[in-house]
Amino acid sequence: MKQTALVMVDMQRDFLQPSSPLFVAQGPDVLANVVRALEAARAAGMPVVHVVRRHRSTGIDVDMCRKELFERTGGFLVTDSLGAEAPGALRPLDSEVVIAKTRWSGFFATDLDLVLRRMEVRHIVLMGLQTPNCIRATAVDALSLDYAVTVLSDATGSQTVDVQQSNLEDMTAMGVQILTTQQFVDLVRDT
């Protein structure tokens, strides 16, 4: 697992709270596996990168497909709001990198590629929410940038089981490795 980083995407309250307009149905179900993978990576000294979505309170940087929802609901994922925070066990350590994004991919208009290259990372392991949008977009951009990509099947979530499975199958066909959290934990322990 040398030159590998764990990249946690959008594990924020606004995606995990049922009362939020951005709630991802499988989010609460994958939370325990996300915590397990994060703890294993930290114990092994693997670099951890937190990719989070954050918006200005005016909504000026919200993507067009969500602009009306942002305005109608009074906003979400606003910088420094409770909804933009990660739950306690998932909060970044001081030594971990946080990348803020305003679109689906963690690479789009961010310095994620620069940061990973400075850390000499060539392989990313993705976990978080939600698989058809942010996980998939980040995986596709990573492949385009010649990273090896692994997605943790049970530490990522979608709105339904069918959507999750279809996206995992599509990413497999693109060359993304799919592992379970247990497989990842075992690999990290053995290195």
N, C-alpha and C. Protein backbone atom coordinates (compact mmCIF):
# COMPACT_ATOMS: atom_id res chain seq x y z
N MET A 1 0.82 -1.20 0.00
CA MET A 1 0.00 0.00 0.00
C MET A 1 0.87 1.27 0.00
N LYS A 2 2.14 1.09 -0.37
CA LYS A 2 3.04 2.24 -0.48
C LYS A 2 2.52 3.18 -1.57
N GLN A 3 2.70 4.48 -1.38
CA GLN A 3 2.25 5.52 -2.29
C GLN A 3 0.72 5.56 -2.42
N THR A 4 0.05 5.14 -1.36
CA THR A 4 -1.42 5.10 -1.33
C THR A 4 -1.94 6.09 -0.30
N ALA A 5 -3.02 6.75 -0.64
CA ALA A 5 -3.70 7.64 0.30
C ALA A 5 -5.17 7.26 0.38
N LEU A 6 -5.72 7.37 1.57
CA LEU A 6 -7.15 7.19 1.77
C LEU A 6 -7.81 8.55 1.57
N VAL A 7 -8.79 8.60 0.69
CA VAL A 7 -9.48 9.86 0.39
C VAL A 7 -10.95 9.69 0.79
N MET A 8 -11.33 10.43 1.81
CA MET A 8 -12.70 10.38 2.32
C MET A 8 -13.48 11.56 1.74
N VAL A 9 -14.60 11.26 1.10
CA VAL A 9 -15.35 12.26 0.36
C VAL A 9 -16.71 12.53 1.02
N ASP A 10 -16.96 13.78 1.33
CA ASP A 10 -18.29 14.29 1.72
C ASP A 10 -18.95 13.58 2.90
N MET A 11 -18.18 13.15 3.84
CA MET A 11 -18.78 12.58 5.05
C MET A 11 -19.10 13.73 6.01
N GLN A 12 -20.15 14.45 5.65
CA GLN A 12 -20.56 15.65 6.36
C GLN A 12 -22.01 15.52 6.82
N ARG A 13 -22.33 16.25 7.85
CA ARG A 13 -23.67 16.13 8.45
C ARG A 13 -24.80 16.36 7.47
N ASP A 14 -24.67 17.30 6.54
CA ASP A 14 -25.76 17.56 5.60
C ASP A 14 -26.03 16.39 4.67
N PHE A 15 -25.09 15.46 4.53
CA PHE A 15 -25.33 14.25 3.75
C PHE A 15 -25.80 13.09 4.64
N LEU A 16 -25.62 13.22 5.95
CA LEU A 16 -25.90 12.12 6.88
C LEU A 16 -27.17 12.30 7.70
N GLN A 17 -27.71 13.51 7.75
CA GLN A 17 -28.89 13.79 8.57
C GLN A 17 -30.17 13.63 7.74
N PRO A 18 -31.10 12.78 8.18
CA PRO A 18 -32.35 12.58 7.43
C PRO A 18 -33.14 13.87 7.18
N SER A 19 -32.98 14.87 8.01
CA SER A 19 -33.73 16.12 7.84
C SER A 19 -33.11 17.03 6.77
N SER A 20 -31.94 16.70 6.27
CA SER A 20 -31.26 17.53 5.29
C SER A 20 -31.78 17.27 3.88
N PRO A 21 -31.87 18.30 3.04
CA PRO A 21 -32.29 18.08 1.65
C PRO A 21 -31.26 17.29 0.85
N LEU A 22 -30.06 17.13 1.35
CA LEU A 22 -29.02 16.37 0.66
C LEU A 22 -28.79 14.98 1.25
N PHE A 23 -29.66 14.56 2.15
CA PHE A 23 -29.50 13.27 2.83
C PHE A 23 -29.32 12.12 1.83
N VAL A 24 -28.31 11.29 2.07
CA VAL A 24 -28.04 10.10 1.27
C VAL A 24 -28.51 8.90 2.08
N ALA A 25 -29.48 8.17 1.56
CA ALA A 25 -30.14 7.10 2.32
C ALA A 25 -29.17 6.08 2.90
N GLN A 26 -28.13 5.70 2.17
CA GLN A 26 -27.19 4.71 2.68
C GLN A 26 -26.09 5.31 3.57
N GLY A 27 -26.08 6.61 3.72
CA GLY A 27 -25.04 7.27 4.52
C GLY A 27 -24.89 6.71 5.92
N PRO A 28 -25.97 6.68 6.70
CA PRO A 28 -25.84 6.13 8.06
C PRO A 28 -25.40 4.67 8.08
N ASP A 29 -25.77 3.91 7.04
CA ASP A 29 -25.42 2.49 6.98
C ASP A 29 -23.93 2.26 6.77
N VAL A 30 -23.26 3.17 6.08
CA VAL A 30 -21.83 2.97 5.78
C VAL A 30 -20.92 3.65 6.80
N LEU A 31 -21.49 4.42 7.69
CA LEU A 31 -20.70 5.21 8.64
C LEU A 31 -19.70 4.36 9.44
N ALA A 32 -20.13 3.23 9.96
CA ALA A 32 -19.24 2.39 10.77
C ALA A 32 -18.05 1.88 9.94
N ASN A 33 -18.29 1.52 8.69
CA ASN A 33 -17.19 1.06 7.83
C ASN A 33 -16.24 2.19 7.48
N VAL A 34 -16.77 3.38 7.29
CA VAL A 34 -15.91 4.53 7.03
C VAL A 34 -14.98 4.76 8.23
N VAL A 35 -15.54 4.69 9.42
CA VAL A 35 -14.73 4.86 10.63
C VAL A 35 -13.65 3.77 10.72
N ARG A 36 -14.03 2.52 10.44
CA ARG A 36 -13.05 1.41 10.49
C ARG A 36 -11.91 1.62 9.51
N ALA A 37 -12.24 2.00 8.28
CA ALA A 37 -11.21 2.22 7.27
C ALA A 37 -10.30 3.39 7.66
N LEU A 38 -10.91 4.45 8.17
CA LEU A 38 -10.13 5.61 8.60
C LEU A 38 -9.18 5.25 9.73
N GLU A 39 -9.66 4.51 10.72
CA GLU A 39 -8.81 4.09 11.84
C GLU A 39 -7.67 3.20 11.37
N ALA A 40 -7.95 2.30 10.42
CA ALA A 40 -6.91 1.41 9.91
C ALA A 40 -5.84 2.20 9.16
N ALA A 41 -6.26 3.16 8.34
CA ALA A 41 -5.30 3.97 7.60
C ALA A 41 -4.43 4.79 8.54
N ARG A 42 -5.07 5.39 9.53
CA ARG A 42 -4.30 6.19 10.50
C ARG A 42 -3.31 5.32 11.26
N ALA A 43 -3.73 4.14 11.69
CA ALA A 43 -2.85 3.25 12.45
C ALA A 43 -1.65 2.82 11.61
N ALA A 44 -1.85 2.71 10.31
CA ALA A 44 -0.76 2.28 9.42
C ALA A 44 0.10 3.45 8.96
N GLY A 45 -0.27 4.67 9.33
CA GLY A 45 0.49 5.84 8.90
C GLY A 45 0.24 6.23 7.46
N MET A 46 -0.86 5.76 6.90
CA MET A 46 -1.22 6.10 5.53
C MET A 46 -1.73 7.55 5.47
N PRO A 47 -1.35 8.29 4.45
CA PRO A 47 -1.90 9.64 4.32
C PRO A 47 -3.43 9.61 4.17
N VAL A 48 -4.09 10.55 4.83
CA VAL A 48 -5.54 10.67 4.75
C VAL A 48 -5.87 12.07 4.24
N VAL A 49 -6.75 12.11 3.25
CA VAL A 49 -7.21 13.38 2.69
C VAL A 49 -8.72 13.44 2.85
N HIS A 50 -9.20 14.54 3.40
CA HIS A 50 -10.64 14.77 3.58
C HIS A 50 -11.09 15.72 2.48
N VAL A 51 -11.93 15.23 1.57
CA VAL A 51 -12.50 16.08 0.53
C VAL A 51 -13.92 16.41 0.97
N VAL A 52 -14.18 17.70 1.12
CA VAL A 52 -15.48 18.14 1.64
C VAL A 52 -16.08 19.19 0.72
N ARG A 53 -17.39 19.19 0.67
CA ARG A 53 -18.09 20.22 -0.11
C ARG A 53 -18.40 21.38 0.82
N ARG A 54 -18.08 22.59 0.36
CA ARG A 54 -18.37 23.79 1.13
C ARG A 54 -18.82 24.89 0.17
N HIS A 55 -19.83 25.64 0.61
CA HIS A 55 -20.34 26.74 -0.20
C HIS A 55 -20.37 28.03 0.59
N ARG A 56 -20.31 29.12 -0.12
CA ARG A 56 -20.50 30.44 0.49
C ARG A 56 -21.97 30.59 0.89
N SER A 57 -22.22 31.37 1.90
CA SER A 57 -23.59 31.53 2.40
C SER A 57 -24.53 32.16 1.36
N THR A 58 -23.99 32.89 0.41
CA THR A 58 -24.81 33.49 -0.64
C THR A 58 -25.25 32.47 -1.69
N GLY A 59 -24.56 31.35 -1.75
CA GLY A 59 -24.86 30.33 -2.76
C GLY A 59 -24.28 30.64 -4.13
N ILE A 60 -23.46 31.66 -4.23
CA ILE A 60 -22.88 32.06 -5.51
C ILE A 60 -22.07 30.94 -6.16
N ASP A 61 -21.53 30.02 -5.36
CA ASP A 61 -20.68 28.95 -5.90
C ASP A 61 -21.38 27.59 -5.96
N VAL A 62 -22.68 27.57 -5.74
CA VAL A 62 -23.44 26.31 -5.81
C VAL A 62 -23.65 25.94 -7.28
N ASP A 63 -23.51 24.65 -7.60
CA ASP A 63 -23.70 24.22 -8.97
C ASP A 63 -25.14 24.50 -9.42
N MET A 64 -25.30 24.77 -10.70
CA MET A 64 -26.60 25.20 -11.23
C MET A 64 -27.70 24.19 -10.96
N CYS A 65 -27.38 22.91 -10.96
CA CYS A 65 -28.42 21.89 -10.75
C CYS A 65 -28.94 21.89 -9.32
N ARG A 66 -28.25 22.55 -8.40
CA ARG A 66 -28.70 22.60 -7.00
C ARG A 66 -29.00 24.03 -6.52
N LYS A 67 -28.86 24.99 -7.40
CA LYS A 67 -29.04 26.39 -7.01
C LYS A 67 -30.45 26.66 -6.48
N GLU A 68 -31.45 26.17 -7.16
CA GLU A 68 -32.83 26.38 -6.72
C GLU A 68 -33.07 25.70 -5.38
N LEU A 69 -32.56 24.51 -5.19
CA LEU A 69 -32.69 23.80 -3.91
C LEU A 69 -32.00 24.57 -2.80
N PHE A 70 -30.82 25.08 -3.06
CA PHE A 70 -30.08 25.87 -2.07
C PHE A 70 -30.91 27.08 -1.64
N GLU A 71 -31.46 27.79 -2.61
CA GLU A 71 -32.25 28.99 -2.30
C GLU A 71 -33.54 28.64 -1.56
N ARG A 72 -34.21 27.59 -2.01
CA ARG A 72 -35.49 27.19 -1.41
C ARG A 72 -35.34 26.71 0.02
N THR A 73 -34.22 26.04 0.33
CA THR A 73 -34.04 25.45 1.66
C THR A 73 -33.25 26.33 2.62
N GLY A 74 -32.78 27.45 2.16
CA GLY A 74 -31.98 28.31 3.02
C GLY A 74 -30.52 27.94 3.06
N GLY A 75 -30.11 27.03 2.19
CA GLY A 75 -28.69 26.68 2.07
C GLY A 75 -28.31 25.37 2.73
N PHE A 76 -27.17 24.87 2.31
CA PHE A 76 -26.59 23.64 2.85
C PHE A 76 -25.10 23.66 2.61
N LEU A 77 -24.38 22.93 3.42
CA LEU A 77 -22.92 22.80 3.31
C LEU A 77 -22.22 24.15 3.29
N VAL A 78 -22.79 25.10 4.01
CA VAL A 78 -22.20 26.44 4.08
C VAL A 78 -20.96 26.38 4.96
N THR A 79 -19.89 26.98 4.49
CA THR A 79 -18.63 27.02 5.23
C THR A 79 -18.88 27.43 6.68
N ASP A 80 -18.29 26.70 7.60
CA ASP A 80 -18.39 26.94 9.05
C ASP A 80 -19.76 26.66 9.65
N SER A 81 -20.67 26.05 8.89
CA SER A 81 -21.96 25.67 9.45
C SER A 81 -21.87 24.26 10.02
N LEU A 82 -22.80 23.91 10.90
CA LEU A 82 -22.85 22.57 11.48
C LEU A 82 -23.03 21.52 10.38
N GLY A 83 -23.84 21.81 9.38
CA GLY A 83 -24.08 20.85 8.30
C GLY A 83 -22.86 20.54 7.47
N ALA A 84 -21.90 21.44 7.41
CA ALA A 84 -20.68 21.22 6.64
C ALA A 84 -19.63 20.44 7.42
N GLU A 85 -19.86 20.22 8.72
CA GLU A 85 -18.89 19.51 9.55
C GLU A 85 -19.00 18.00 9.39
N ALA A 86 -17.90 17.34 9.66
CA ALA A 86 -17.88 15.88 9.74
C ALA A 86 -18.29 15.47 11.15
N PRO A 87 -18.97 14.31 11.29
CA PRO A 87 -19.26 13.81 12.63
C PRO A 87 -17.95 13.57 13.40
N GLY A 88 -18.03 13.58 14.71
CA GLY A 88 -16.85 13.52 15.59
C GLY A 88 -15.77 12.55 15.20
N ALA A 89 -16.10 11.28 14.96
CA ALA A 89 -15.09 10.26 14.67
C ALA A 89 -14.40 10.49 13.33
N LEU A 90 -15.00 11.31 12.48
CA LEU A 90 -14.46 11.52 11.14
C LEU A 90 -13.77 12.87 10.96
N ARG A 91 -13.69 13.62 12.03
CA ARG A 91 -13.04 14.93 11.92
C ARG A 91 -11.57 14.76 11.59
N PRO A 92 -11.05 15.65 10.75
CA PRO A 92 -9.63 15.53 10.37
C PRO A 92 -8.69 15.82 11.53
N LEU A 93 -7.60 15.09 11.56
CA LEU A 93 -6.52 15.38 12.48
C LEU A 93 -5.74 16.57 11.92
N ASP A 94 -5.00 17.24 12.78
CA ASP A 94 -4.21 18.39 12.33
C ASP A 94 -3.23 18.02 11.22
N SER A 95 -2.76 16.79 11.22
CA SER A 95 -1.77 16.35 10.23
C SER A 95 -2.40 15.95 8.89
N GLU A 96 -3.72 15.92 8.82
CA GLU A 96 -4.40 15.46 7.61
C GLU A 96 -4.83 16.64 6.74
N VAL A 97 -4.81 16.41 5.45
CA VAL A 97 -5.15 17.45 4.48
C VAL A 97 -6.67 17.52 4.30
N VAL A 98 -7.18 18.74 4.21
CA VAL A 98 -8.59 18.98 3.90
C VAL A 98 -8.65 19.75 2.58
N ILE A 99 -9.41 19.21 1.65
CA ILE A 99 -9.61 19.84 0.34
C ILE A 99 -11.08 20.24 0.25
N ALA A 100 -11.36 21.50 0.06
CA ALA A 100 -12.73 21.98 -0.11
C ALA A 100 -13.05 22.05 -1.60
N LYS A 101 -14.25 21.58 -1.94
CA LYS A 101 -14.69 21.58 -3.33
C LYS A 101 -16.10 22.17 -3.41
N THR A 102 -16.49 22.58 -4.60
CA THR A 102 -17.85 23.08 -4.82
C THR A 102 -18.58 22.28 -5.89
N ARG A 103 -17.94 21.25 -6.40
CA ARG A 103 -18.55 20.41 -7.42
C ARG A 103 -18.36 18.94 -7.02
N TRP A 104 -18.81 18.03 -7.88
CA TRP A 104 -18.79 16.62 -7.53
C TRP A 104 -17.38 16.07 -7.37
N SER A 105 -16.52 16.30 -8.32
CA SER A 105 -15.19 15.71 -8.26
C SER A 105 -14.29 16.45 -7.28
N GLY A 106 -13.55 15.68 -6.52
CA GLY A 106 -12.56 16.26 -5.62
C GLY A 106 -11.41 16.91 -6.34
N PHE A 107 -11.26 16.64 -7.65
CA PHE A 107 -10.18 17.21 -8.44
C PHE A 107 -10.58 18.50 -9.15
N PHE A 108 -11.89 18.72 -9.35
CA PHE A 108 -12.33 19.85 -10.16
C PHE A 108 -12.12 21.17 -9.42
N ALA A 109 -11.27 22.03 -9.98
CA ALA A 109 -10.99 23.37 -9.45
C ALA A 109 -10.48 23.34 -8.01
N THR A 110 -9.73 22.28 -7.66
CA THR A 110 -9.08 22.18 -6.34
C THR A 110 -7.60 21.88 -6.55
N ASP A 111 -6.86 21.82 -5.45
CA ASP A 111 -5.45 21.45 -5.54
C ASP A 111 -5.20 20.00 -5.10
N LEU A 112 -6.22 19.14 -5.19
CA LEU A 112 -6.07 17.75 -4.77
C LEU A 112 -4.95 17.04 -5.54
N ASP A 113 -4.89 17.20 -6.85
CA ASP A 113 -3.84 16.55 -7.63
C ASP A 113 -2.46 17.01 -7.18
N LEU A 114 -2.28 18.31 -6.99
CA LEU A 114 -1.00 18.85 -6.52
C LEU A 114 -0.61 18.26 -5.17
N VAL A 115 -1.56 18.23 -4.24
CA VAL A 115 -1.29 17.72 -2.90
C VAL A 115 -0.90 16.24 -2.95
N LEU A 116 -1.64 15.45 -3.70
CA LEU A 116 -1.33 14.01 -3.80
C LEU A 116 0.05 13.80 -4.43
N ARG A 117 0.37 14.55 -5.45
CA ARG A 117 1.67 14.40 -6.10
C ARG A 117 2.80 14.82 -5.16
N ARG A 118 2.58 15.86 -4.36
CA ARG A 118 3.60 16.28 -3.38
C ARG A 118 3.83 15.20 -2.33
N MET A 119 2.77 14.44 -2.02
CA MET A 119 2.89 13.34 -1.07
C MET A 119 3.39 12.06 -1.76
N GLU A 120 3.66 12.15 -3.06
CA GLU A 120 4.12 11.03 -3.88
C GLU A 120 3.11 9.88 -3.91
N VAL A 121 1.84 10.23 -3.89
CA VAL A 121 0.75 9.25 -3.95
C VAL A 121 0.47 8.92 -5.41
N ARG A 122 0.34 7.64 -5.69
CA ARG A 122 -0.01 7.16 -7.03
C ARG A 122 -1.29 6.32 -7.02
N HIS A 123 -1.80 6.04 -5.84
CA HIS A 123 -2.97 5.17 -5.70
C HIS A 123 -3.88 5.79 -4.64
N ILE A 124 -5.15 6.00 -4.99
CA ILE A 124 -6.09 6.53 -3.99
C ILE A 124 -7.17 5.49 -3.70
N VAL A 125 -7.56 5.45 -2.44
CA VAL A 125 -8.65 4.60 -1.98
C VAL A 125 -9.77 5.54 -1.57
N LEU A 126 -10.90 5.42 -2.26
CA LEU A 126 -12.03 6.32 -2.04
C LEU A 126 -13.08 5.70 -1.15
N MET A 127 -13.62 6.53 -0.26
CA MET A 127 -14.78 6.14 0.54
C MET A 127 -15.59 7.40 0.81
N GLY A 128 -16.87 7.21 1.12
CA GLY A 128 -17.72 8.35 1.43
C GLY A 128 -18.99 8.37 0.61
N LEU A 129 -19.48 9.58 0.35
CA LEU A 129 -20.79 9.76 -0.28
C LEU A 129 -20.69 10.75 -1.44
N GLN A 130 -21.60 10.71 -2.36
CA GLN A 130 -22.37 9.55 -2.69
C GLN A 130 -21.83 8.95 -3.96
N THR A 131 -21.99 7.65 -4.12
CA THR A 131 -21.27 6.90 -5.14
C THR A 131 -21.52 7.38 -6.57
N PRO A 132 -22.78 7.60 -7.02
CA PRO A 132 -22.95 7.99 -8.43
C PRO A 132 -22.50 9.42 -8.75
N ASN A 133 -22.32 10.23 -7.75
CA ASN A 133 -21.94 11.62 -7.99
C ASN A 133 -20.48 11.85 -7.62
N CYS A 134 -20.21 12.11 -6.37
CA CYS A 134 -18.88 12.56 -5.95
C CYS A 134 -17.83 11.45 -5.96
N ILE A 135 -18.20 10.25 -5.57
CA ILE A 135 -17.23 9.15 -5.60
C ILE A 135 -16.87 8.84 -7.05
N ARG A 136 -17.88 8.68 -7.87
CA ARG A 136 -17.64 8.33 -9.27
C ARG A 136 -16.88 9.45 -10.01
N ALA A 137 -17.29 10.70 -9.83
CA ALA A 137 -16.62 11.80 -10.52
C ALA A 137 -15.15 11.90 -10.09
N THR A 138 -14.89 11.73 -8.81
CA THR A 138 -13.52 11.77 -8.32
C THR A 138 -12.72 10.59 -8.88
N ALA A 139 -13.33 9.41 -8.92
CA ALA A 139 -12.65 8.23 -9.46
C ALA A 139 -12.31 8.42 -10.94
N VAL A 140 -13.26 8.93 -11.71
CA VAL A 140 -13.02 9.13 -13.15
C VAL A 140 -11.91 10.15 -13.37
N ASP A 141 -11.94 11.25 -12.64
CA ASP A 141 -10.87 12.24 -12.79
C ASP A 141 -9.53 11.66 -12.36
N ALA A 142 -9.52 10.87 -11.30
CA ALA A 142 -8.27 10.25 -10.85
C ALA A 142 -7.71 9.32 -11.93
N LEU A 143 -8.58 8.53 -12.54
CA LEU A 143 -8.13 7.66 -13.63
C LEU A 143 -7.56 8.48 -14.78
N SER A 144 -8.20 9.60 -15.10
CA SER A 144 -7.72 10.47 -16.17
C SER A 144 -6.36 11.06 -15.85
N LEU A 145 -6.07 11.21 -14.58
CA LEU A 145 -4.78 11.75 -14.13
C LEU A 145 -3.76 10.63 -13.85
N ASP A 146 -4.11 9.40 -14.22
CA ASP A 146 -3.23 8.23 -14.11
C ASP A 146 -2.96 7.76 -12.69
N TYR A 147 -3.92 7.97 -11.79
CA TYR A 147 -3.85 7.34 -10.48
C TYR A 147 -4.47 5.96 -10.57
N ALA A 148 -3.96 5.03 -9.78
CA ALA A 148 -4.68 3.78 -9.54
C ALA A 148 -5.78 4.12 -8.54
N VAL A 149 -6.97 3.54 -8.74
CA VAL A 149 -8.12 3.91 -7.92
C VAL A 149 -8.79 2.67 -7.35
N THR A 150 -9.04 2.71 -6.05
CA THR A 150 -9.81 1.68 -5.36
C THR A 150 -11.00 2.38 -4.71
N VAL A 151 -12.16 1.73 -4.77
CA VAL A 151 -13.36 2.21 -4.08
C VAL A 151 -13.77 1.15 -3.08
N LEU A 152 -14.06 1.57 -1.85
CA LEU A 152 -14.53 0.64 -0.82
C LEU A 152 -16.05 0.50 -0.96
N SER A 153 -16.48 -0.68 -1.37
CA SER A 153 -17.88 -0.90 -1.72
C SER A 153 -18.85 -0.69 -0.57
N ASP A 154 -18.44 -1.03 0.64
CA ASP A 154 -19.34 -0.92 1.79
C ASP A 154 -18.98 0.26 2.69
N ALA A 155 -18.09 1.13 2.19
CA ALA A 155 -17.78 2.39 2.87
C ALA A 155 -18.09 3.56 1.94
N THR A 156 -18.92 3.26 0.94
CA THR A 156 -19.49 4.27 0.05
C THR A 156 -20.98 4.00 0.01
N GLY A 157 -21.76 5.03 -0.28
CA GLY A 157 -23.20 4.84 -0.27
C GLY A 157 -23.90 5.68 -1.31
N SER A 158 -25.11 5.23 -1.63
CA SER A 158 -25.98 5.86 -2.63
C SER A 158 -27.38 5.99 -2.04
N GLN A 159 -28.32 6.41 -2.86
CA GLN A 159 -29.71 6.50 -2.41
C GLN A 159 -30.37 5.13 -2.33
N THR A 160 -29.95 4.18 -3.19
CA THR A 160 -30.53 2.84 -3.18
C THR A 160 -29.44 1.79 -3.40
N VAL A 161 -29.75 0.56 -3.06
CA VAL A 161 -28.83 -0.56 -3.28
C VAL A 161 -28.57 -0.74 -4.77
N ASP A 162 -29.63 -0.62 -5.59
CA ASP A 162 -29.48 -0.80 -7.04
C ASP A 162 -28.56 0.26 -7.65
N VAL A 163 -28.72 1.50 -7.25
CA VAL A 163 -27.86 2.57 -7.76
C VAL A 163 -26.42 2.31 -7.34
N GLN A 164 -26.23 1.91 -6.09
CA GLN A 164 -24.88 1.60 -5.60
C GLN A 164 -24.24 0.50 -6.43
N GLN A 165 -24.95 -0.60 -6.60
CA GLN A 165 -24.40 -1.75 -7.32
C GLN A 165 -24.10 -1.41 -8.77
N SER A 166 -24.99 -0.70 -9.43
CA SER A 166 -24.77 -0.33 -10.84
C SER A 166 -23.52 0.52 -10.99
N ASN A 167 -23.34 1.47 -10.10
CA ASN A 167 -22.17 2.34 -10.19
C ASN A 167 -20.88 1.60 -9.89
N LEU A 168 -20.91 0.69 -8.93
CA LEU A 168 -19.72 -0.12 -8.65
C LEU A 168 -19.35 -0.97 -9.86
N GLU A 169 -20.36 -1.55 -10.51
CA GLU A 169 -20.11 -2.36 -11.71
C GLU A 169 -19.53 -1.51 -12.83
N ASP A 170 -20.09 -0.32 -13.03
CA ASP A 170 -19.57 0.57 -14.08
C ASP A 170 -18.13 0.97 -13.79
N MET A 171 -17.83 1.30 -12.55
CA MET A 171 -16.46 1.70 -12.23
C MET A 171 -15.48 0.54 -12.38
N THR A 172 -15.92 -0.67 -12.06
CA THR A 172 -15.09 -1.85 -12.27
C THR A 172 -14.73 -1.97 -13.75
N ALA A 173 -15.71 -1.75 -14.62
CA ALA A 173 -15.47 -1.82 -16.07
C ALA A 173 -14.49 -0.74 -16.54
N MET A 174 -14.37 0.35 -15.79
CA MET A 174 -13.44 1.43 -16.14
C MET A 174 -12.04 1.17 -15.60
N GLY A 175 -11.87 0.14 -14.77
CA GLY A 175 -10.55 -0.16 -14.23
C GLY A 175 -10.39 0.19 -12.77
N VAL A 176 -11.47 0.55 -12.11
CA VAL A 176 -11.41 0.84 -10.68
C VAL A 176 -11.47 -0.48 -9.91
N GLN A 177 -10.58 -0.63 -8.94
CA GLN A 177 -10.60 -1.81 -8.08
C GLN A 177 -11.67 -1.59 -7.01
N ILE A 178 -12.47 -2.61 -6.76
CA ILE A 178 -13.50 -2.54 -5.73
C ILE A 178 -13.12 -3.51 -4.62
N LEU A 179 -13.02 -2.98 -3.39
CA LEU A 179 -12.73 -3.80 -2.21
C LEU A 179 -13.77 -3.53 -1.14
N THR A 180 -13.91 -4.48 -0.22
CA THR A 180 -14.71 -4.23 0.97
C THR A 180 -13.83 -3.55 2.01
N THR A 181 -14.45 -3.02 3.02
CA THR A 181 -13.68 -2.42 4.11
C THR A 181 -12.77 -3.45 4.76
N GLN A 182 -13.29 -4.65 4.98
CA GLN A 182 -12.47 -5.69 5.61
C GLN A 182 -11.26 -6.03 4.76
N GLN A 183 -11.43 -6.13 3.45
CA GLN A 183 -10.29 -6.40 2.57
C GLN A 183 -9.24 -5.28 2.67
N PHE A 184 -9.71 -4.03 2.72
CA PHE A 184 -8.80 -2.90 2.86
C PHE A 184 -8.08 -2.96 4.20
N VAL A 185 -8.80 -3.20 5.27
CA VAL A 185 -8.19 -3.28 6.61
C VAL A 185 -7.14 -4.38 6.63
N ASP A 186 -7.44 -5.53 6.05
CA ASP A 186 -6.48 -6.65 6.01
C ASP A 186 -5.23 -6.27 5.22
N LEU A 187 -5.41 -5.61 4.07
CA LEU A 187 -4.26 -5.19 3.26
C LEU A 187 -3.39 -4.20 4.02
N VAL A 188 -4.01 -3.25 4.69
CA VAL A 188 -3.27 -2.23 5.43
C VAL A 188 -2.50 -2.86 6.58
N ARG A 189 -3.13 -3.82 7.26
CA ARG A 189 -2.47 -4.50 8.39
C ARG A 189 -1.27 -5.31 7.93
N ASP A 190 -1.37 -5.90 6.73
CA ASP A 190 -0.32 -6.80 6.24
C ASP A 190 0.85 -6.07 5.63
N THR A 191 0.79 -4.74 5.52
CA THR A 191 1.90 -4.01 4.89
C THR A 191 2.73 -3.30 5.94
